[in-house]
């Protein structure tokens, strides 16, 4: 029994010793393979460096380096290209449907206006519309007047001279279409929104005072009288808008834009009669400057 147990113990002790030997042999083989790889890569790098060195020597002997230097082009100083003159395009230009039916802008008239400003000559150019703009004696009879001058750029403006716009409390002017504070007229004939004019527009465009119009129970608005010169009414008659020409007509001696249009484009006024009417208008306004000319205020000076 003792002999059998000793044999079993010896057999159990022998396998671990054999495994340890195998592991030792395996690690030795891996280290040998790693060293072989390092030697191979080192030999490859040495052979590559030697080949590069040999090739460089051959290129020097053949003179390829000098030849490559000769073949290089010298740097050139290129002159800047001259811009070609753009030729005017006479082909019809594309226009949006919104402005397709409008008359194209005549820039020659604008250049003429700028030249007249430099020369100190007052020249008013209103583009022609689809219909001729002609007035009669009845239109002249409907022109308004005022007993006292209206002070511009004060009513409905703040302390800094800026206009006050209020979408809730403000009233819309038929002429400038701005919803602002300040006094507005009320037509006793139509009693519509078209009869509301702010004080500045009523004075500059028709020569009337808004306070006098509101005190008059028989006051009728310019649209009802047929002398409205706002852009909407003029387009409805086939005429082009006048633009902001009050400063020009006042320099020519007219009370307002309406006075200028009706007195210079009447059917009965032709030739010398038209010139005489304009001279009479100038004499009337020069005789009473305080009545017909607005007083320059702090706000108007700032805007000028």
Protein backbone atom coordinates (compact mmCIF):
# COMPACT_ATOMS: atom_id res chain seq x y z
CA UNK A 1 0.00 0.00 0.00
CA UNK A 2 2.76 2.37 0.83
CA UNK A 3 4.53 1.60 -2.49
CA UNK A 4 1.37 2.31 -4.54
CA UNK A 5 0.80 5.62 -2.87
CA UNK A 6 4.43 6.68 -3.46
CA UNK A 7 4.16 5.82 -7.18
CA UNK A 8 0.99 7.91 -7.54
CA UNK A 9 2.66 10.84 -5.88
CA UNK A 10 5.65 10.57 -8.26
CA UNK A 11 3.37 10.39 -11.28
CA UNK A 12 1.45 13.46 -10.14
CA UNK A 13 4.64 15.39 -9.57
CA UNK A 14 6.21 14.57 -12.98
CA UNK A 15 3.68 16.39 -15.40
CA UNK A 16 4.16 19.90 -13.99
CA UNK A 17 7.87 19.64 -14.49
CA UNK A 18 7.38 18.68 -18.14
CA UNK A 19 4.98 21.59 -18.73
CA UNK A 20 7.40 24.08 -17.26
CA UNK A 21 10.06 22.86 -19.63
CA UNK A 22 7.72 23.25 -22.61
CA UNK A 23 6.84 26.79 -21.58
CA UNK A 24 10.46 27.66 -21.27
CA UNK A 25 11.17 26.28 -24.71
CA UNK A 26 8.23 28.27 -26.18
CA UNK A 27 9.37 31.58 -24.74
CA UNK A 28 12.87 30.97 -26.06
CA UNK A 29 11.50 30.34 -29.55
CA UNK A 30 9.43 33.57 -29.50
CA UNK A 31 12.41 35.64 -28.45
CA UNK A 32 14.46 34.10 -31.24
CA UNK A 33 11.76 34.97 -33.81
CA UNK A 34 11.60 38.56 -32.54
CA UNK A 35 15.32 38.98 -32.79
CA UNK A 36 15.26 37.58 -36.36
CA UNK A 37 12.63 40.14 -37.38
CA UNK A 38 14.64 42.99 -35.95
CA UNK A 39 17.71 41.79 -37.81
CA UNK A 40 15.75 41.53 -41.06
CA UNK A 41 14.31 45.08 -40.74
CA UNK A 42 17.73 46.44 -39.89
CA UNK A 43 19.28 44.77 -42.91
CA UNK A 44 16.44 46.14 -45.11
CA UNK A 45 16.97 49.71 -43.88
CA UNK A 46 20.70 49.43 -44.45
CA UNK A 47 20.17 48.09 -47.98
CA UNK A 48 17.66 50.89 -48.73
CA UNK A 49 20.02 53.62 -47.55
CA UNK A 50 22.77 52.10 -49.65
CA UNK A 51 20.55 52.08 -52.77
CA UNK A 52 19.60 55.74 -52.24
CA UNK A 53 23.27 56.66 -51.88
CA UNK A 54 24.20 54.77 -55.05
CA UNK A 55 21.40 56.43 -57.03
CA UNK A 56 22.47 59.91 -55.88
CA UNK A 57 26.03 59.22 -56.98
CA UNK A 58 24.85 58.05 -60.41
CA UNK A 59 22.71 61.21 -60.86
CA UNK A 60 25.69 63.41 -59.96
CA UNK A 61 27.91 61.56 -62.43
CA UNK A 62 25.30 61.89 -65.22
CA UNK A 63 24.77 65.61 -64.46
CA UNK A 64 21.05 65.31 -63.95
CA UNK A 65 21.00 67.84 -61.11
CA UNK A 66 22.54 70.59 -63.24
CA UNK A 67 20.16 69.75 -66.08
CA UNK A 68 17.13 70.06 -63.80
CA UNK A 69 18.29 73.52 -62.67
CA UNK A 70 18.61 74.65 -66.27
CA UNK A 71 15.13 73.40 -67.15
CA UNK A 72 13.48 75.49 -64.38
CA UNK A 73 11.73 78.57 -65.85
CA UNK A 74 12.62 81.92 -64.33
CA UNK A 75 9.88 83.82 -62.52
CA UNK A 76 8.01 86.28 -64.72
CA UNK A 77 6.46 89.53 -63.60
CA UNK A 78 3.04 89.35 -65.16
CA UNK A 79 1.35 92.69 -65.87
CA UNK A 80 -2.18 93.14 -64.55
CA UNK A 81 -4.85 92.46 -67.10
CA UNK A 82 -6.70 95.45 -68.44
CA UNK A 83 -10.41 95.44 -67.73
CA UNK A 84 -12.51 95.34 -70.84
CA UNK A 85 -14.94 98.19 -71.30
CA UNK A 86 -18.49 97.04 -70.69
CA UNK A 87 -20.61 97.60 -73.74
CA UNK A 88 -24.11 98.95 -73.14
CA UNK A 89 -26.80 96.32 -73.41
CA UNK A 90 -29.55 97.56 -75.72
CA UNK A 91 -31.64 94.42 -75.37
CA UNK A 92 -34.93 94.73 -73.45
CA UNK A 93 -34.38 94.30 -69.73
CA UNK A 94 -36.47 92.00 -67.57
CA UNK A 95 -39.00 93.80 -65.40
CA UNK A 96 -41.25 92.52 -62.66
CA UNK A 97 -44.98 92.29 -63.20
CA UNK A 98 -45.49 94.90 -60.46
CA UNK A 99 -43.77 97.67 -62.45
CA UNK A 100 -44.31 96.34 -65.96
CA UNK A 101 -47.13 98.79 -66.72
CA UNK A 102 -45.32 101.81 -65.26
CA UNK A 103 -43.48 104.30 -67.43
CA UNK A 104 -39.68 103.78 -67.21
CA UNK A 105 -37.69 106.41 -65.35
CA UNK A 106 -36.12 109.08 -67.52
CA UNK A 107 -32.69 109.62 -65.96
CA UNK A 108 -31.88 112.46 -68.36
CA UNK A 109 -34.55 114.55 -66.61
CA UNK A 110 -32.98 113.77 -63.25
CA UNK A 111 -29.58 114.86 -64.53
CA UNK A 112 -31.17 118.03 -65.83
CA UNK A 113 -32.69 118.72 -62.40
CA UNK A 114 -29.33 118.24 -60.66
CA UNK A 115 -27.69 120.62 -63.15
CA UNK A 116 -30.40 123.21 -62.56
CA UNK A 117 -29.76 123.00 -58.79
CA UNK A 118 -26.09 123.77 -59.33
CA UNK A 119 -26.96 126.76 -61.52
CA UNK A 120 -29.52 128.05 -59.01
CA UNK A 121 -32.39 127.66 -61.50
CA UNK A 122 -35.67 126.22 -60.20
CA UNK A 123 -36.93 123.63 -62.65
CA UNK A 124 -39.91 121.33 -62.01
CA UNK A 125 -40.16 118.18 -64.12
CA UNK A 126 -43.30 116.07 -63.69
CA UNK A 127 -43.39 112.97 -65.95
CA UNK A 128 -46.26 112.80 -68.39
CA UNK A 129 -48.99 110.28 -67.73
CA UNK A 130 -51.28 108.35 -70.02
CA UNK A 131 -53.81 111.22 -70.07
CA UNK A 132 -53.12 114.94 -70.58
CA UNK A 133 -53.22 117.00 -67.39
CA UNK A 134 -55.47 119.98 -68.06
CA UNK A 135 -57.42 122.20 -65.66
CA UNK A 136 -60.32 124.57 -66.21
CA UNK A 137 -61.57 127.76 -64.59
CA UNK A 138 -63.81 125.68 -62.35
CA UNK A 139 -60.73 124.03 -60.81
CA UNK A 140 -59.20 127.44 -60.22
CA UNK A 141 -62.35 128.60 -58.44
CA UNK A 142 -62.07 125.61 -56.09
CA UNK A 143 -58.59 126.58 -54.93
CA UNK A 144 -58.47 127.33 -51.23
CA UNK A 145 -56.83 130.09 -49.23
CA UNK A 146 -56.05 130.93 -45.61
CA UNK A 147 -56.13 134.01 -43.44
CA UNK A 148 -53.19 133.01 -41.24
CA UNK A 149 -50.06 131.04 -42.04
CA UNK A 150 -49.66 127.49 -40.77
CA UNK A 151 -46.45 126.67 -38.89
CA UNK A 152 -44.87 123.59 -40.47
CA UNK A 153 -43.27 120.66 -38.65
CA UNK A 154 -44.71 121.53 -35.22
CA UNK A 155 -48.20 120.02 -34.87
CA UNK A 156 -47.87 116.25 -34.32
CA UNK A 157 -44.10 116.41 -33.68
CA UNK A 158 -42.11 115.80 -30.50
CA UNK A 159 -39.56 118.13 -28.87
CA UNK A 160 -36.75 116.80 -31.09
CA UNK A 161 -38.67 117.60 -34.27
CA UNK A 162 -39.61 113.96 -35.02
CA UNK A 163 -43.08 113.14 -36.20
CA UNK A 164 -45.22 111.11 -33.77
CA UNK A 165 -46.79 108.00 -35.32
CA UNK A 166 -49.60 106.33 -33.36
CA UNK A 167 -51.50 103.38 -34.90
CA UNK A 168 -54.22 103.58 -32.22
CA UNK A 169 -54.84 107.26 -31.46
CA UNK A 170 -53.53 108.67 -34.73
CA UNK A 171 -55.59 109.60 -37.79
CA UNK A 172 -54.64 108.72 -41.36
CA UNK A 173 -53.99 111.64 -43.71
CA UNK A 174 -55.36 111.22 -47.23
CA UNK A 175 -52.33 112.95 -48.73
CA UNK A 176 -49.32 111.37 -46.96
CA UNK A 177 -51.21 108.25 -45.72
CA UNK A 178 -49.47 108.46 -42.34
CA UNK A 179 -51.36 107.67 -39.13
CA UNK A 180 -50.14 110.46 -36.89
CA UNK A 181 -51.23 112.68 -34.05
CA UNK A 182 -52.17 116.30 -34.58
CA UNK A 183 -55.08 118.15 -36.14
CA UNK A 184 -56.86 116.67 -39.18
CA UNK A 185 -59.66 118.06 -41.33
CA UNK A 186 -63.18 116.63 -41.65
CA UNK A 187 -65.15 117.06 -44.86
CA UNK A 188 -68.70 118.31 -44.39
CA UNK A 189 -69.78 116.91 -47.77
CA UNK A 190 -68.55 113.31 -48.00
CA UNK A 191 -67.80 112.77 -44.29
CA UNK A 192 -65.38 110.01 -45.34
CA UNK A 193 -61.78 109.14 -44.55
CA UNK A 194 -60.72 110.81 -47.80
CA UNK A 195 -61.61 114.14 -46.23
CA UNK A 196 -58.92 113.88 -43.52
CA UNK A 197 -55.78 115.93 -44.17
CA UNK A 198 -53.05 116.75 -41.66
CA UNK A 199 -52.07 120.39 -41.17
CA UNK A 200 -48.74 120.21 -43.04
CA UNK A 201 -50.15 118.45 -46.11
CA UNK A 202 -53.17 120.74 -46.31
CA UNK A 203 -50.96 123.84 -46.20
CA UNK A 204 -48.16 122.70 -48.53
CA UNK A 205 -50.35 120.95 -51.11
CA UNK A 206 -53.44 123.24 -51.10
CA UNK A 207 -52.50 126.47 -49.28
CA UNK A 208 -55.10 126.10 -46.52
CA UNK A 209 -54.98 126.21 -42.72
CA UNK A 210 -56.37 123.14 -40.91
CA UNK A 211 -57.67 125.20 -37.97
CA UNK A 212 -59.64 127.51 -40.29
CA UNK A 213 -61.00 124.48 -42.17
CA UNK A 214 -62.23 122.87 -38.95
CA UNK A 215 -63.98 126.10 -37.92
CA UNK A 216 -65.76 126.29 -41.28
CA UNK A 217 -69.00 124.27 -41.27
CA UNK A 218 -69.10 124.32 -45.08
CA UNK A 219 -65.53 123.18 -45.71
CA UNK A 220 -65.19 120.59 -48.51
CA UNK A 221 -62.14 118.35 -48.97
CA UNK A 222 -59.90 118.58 -52.09
CA UNK A 223 -61.09 115.19 -53.48
CA UNK A 224 -64.70 116.39 -53.43
CA UNK A 225 -63.62 119.63 -55.13
CA UNK A 226 -61.74 117.64 -57.82
CA UNK A 227 -58.36 119.25 -57.13
CA UNK A 228 -56.69 116.52 -55.05
CA UNK A 229 -53.05 116.04 -56.12
CA UNK A 230 -52.11 113.00 -54.01
CA UNK A 231 -50.37 110.17 -55.83
CA UNK A 232 -53.41 107.85 -55.64
CA UNK A 233 -55.87 110.35 -57.11
CA UNK A 234 -53.43 111.41 -59.82
CA UNK A 235 -52.83 107.81 -60.89
CA UNK A 236 -56.58 107.29 -61.02
CA UNK A 237 -56.77 110.16 -63.55
CA UNK A 238 -53.88 108.81 -65.60
CA UNK A 239 -51.32 111.35 -64.30
CA UNK A 240 -47.95 110.73 -62.71
CA UNK A 241 -47.26 111.74 -59.06
CA UNK A 242 -45.66 115.14 -58.57
CA UNK A 243 -43.29 114.16 -55.78
CA UNK A 244 -42.15 116.57 -53.08
CA UNK A 245 -42.09 119.83 -55.05
CA UNK A 246 -43.43 122.26 -52.44
CA UNK A 247 -40.06 123.92 -51.84
CA UNK A 248 -39.70 124.50 -55.59
CA UNK A 249 -43.16 125.94 -56.16
CA UNK A 250 -42.78 128.20 -53.11
CA UNK A 251 -39.53 129.54 -54.58
CA UNK A 252 -41.43 130.29 -57.78
CA UNK A 253 -43.96 132.27 -55.72
CA UNK A 254 -46.94 129.89 -55.60
CA UNK A 255 -48.97 129.33 -52.44
CA UNK A 256 -49.11 125.55 -52.79
CA UNK A 257 -48.65 122.67 -55.19
CA UNK A 258 -52.32 122.84 -56.21
CA UNK A 259 -51.95 126.54 -57.10
CA UNK A 260 -48.90 125.76 -59.23
CA UNK A 261 -50.55 122.89 -61.13
CA UNK A 262 -53.86 124.60 -61.82
CA UNK A 263 -52.44 128.02 -62.71
CA UNK A 264 -49.75 126.67 -65.05
CA UNK A 265 -51.78 123.94 -66.77
CA UNK A 266 -55.12 125.58 -67.40
CA UNK A 267 -56.95 125.41 -70.75
CA UNK A 268 -57.57 129.16 -70.94
CA UNK A 269 -53.98 130.08 -70.07
CA UNK A 270 -51.80 130.01 -73.16
CA UNK A 271 -48.71 131.95 -74.14
CA UNK A 272 -48.53 135.44 -72.61
CA UNK A 273 -51.66 134.89 -70.47
CA UNK A 274 -49.95 132.05 -68.60
CA UNK A 275 -46.88 134.21 -67.99
CA UNK A 276 -49.02 137.08 -66.71
CA UNK A 277 -50.89 134.80 -64.30
CA UNK A 278 -47.62 133.48 -62.90
CA UNK A 279 -46.33 137.06 -62.48
CA UNK A 280 -49.55 138.04 -60.70
CA UNK A 281 -49.23 135.04 -58.39
CA UNK A 282 -45.67 136.02 -57.52
CA UNK A 283 -46.65 139.60 -56.80
CA UNK A 284 -49.49 138.49 -54.52
CA UNK A 285 -47.26 136.22 -52.46
CA UNK A 286 -44.42 138.74 -52.26
CA UNK A 287 -46.85 141.44 -51.05
CA UNK A 288 -47.85 139.38 -48.03
CA UNK A 289 -44.96 137.05 -47.23
CA UNK A 290 -46.01 136.34 -43.65
CA UNK A 291 -49.42 135.15 -44.76
CA UNK A 292 -48.48 132.77 -47.54
CA UNK A 293 -44.99 131.60 -46.59
CA UNK A 294 -44.44 129.17 -43.67
CA UNK A 295 -42.34 130.31 -40.75
CA UNK A 296 -39.06 128.43 -40.34
CA UNK A 297 -39.24 126.70 -36.99
CA UNK A 298 -36.73 124.74 -34.97
CA UNK A 299 -37.95 121.48 -36.53
CA UNK A 300 -38.02 122.83 -40.09
CA UNK A 301 -34.47 124.19 -39.76
CA UNK A 302 -33.34 120.81 -38.51
CA UNK A 303 -34.93 119.06 -41.45
CA UNK A 304 -33.46 121.56 -43.92
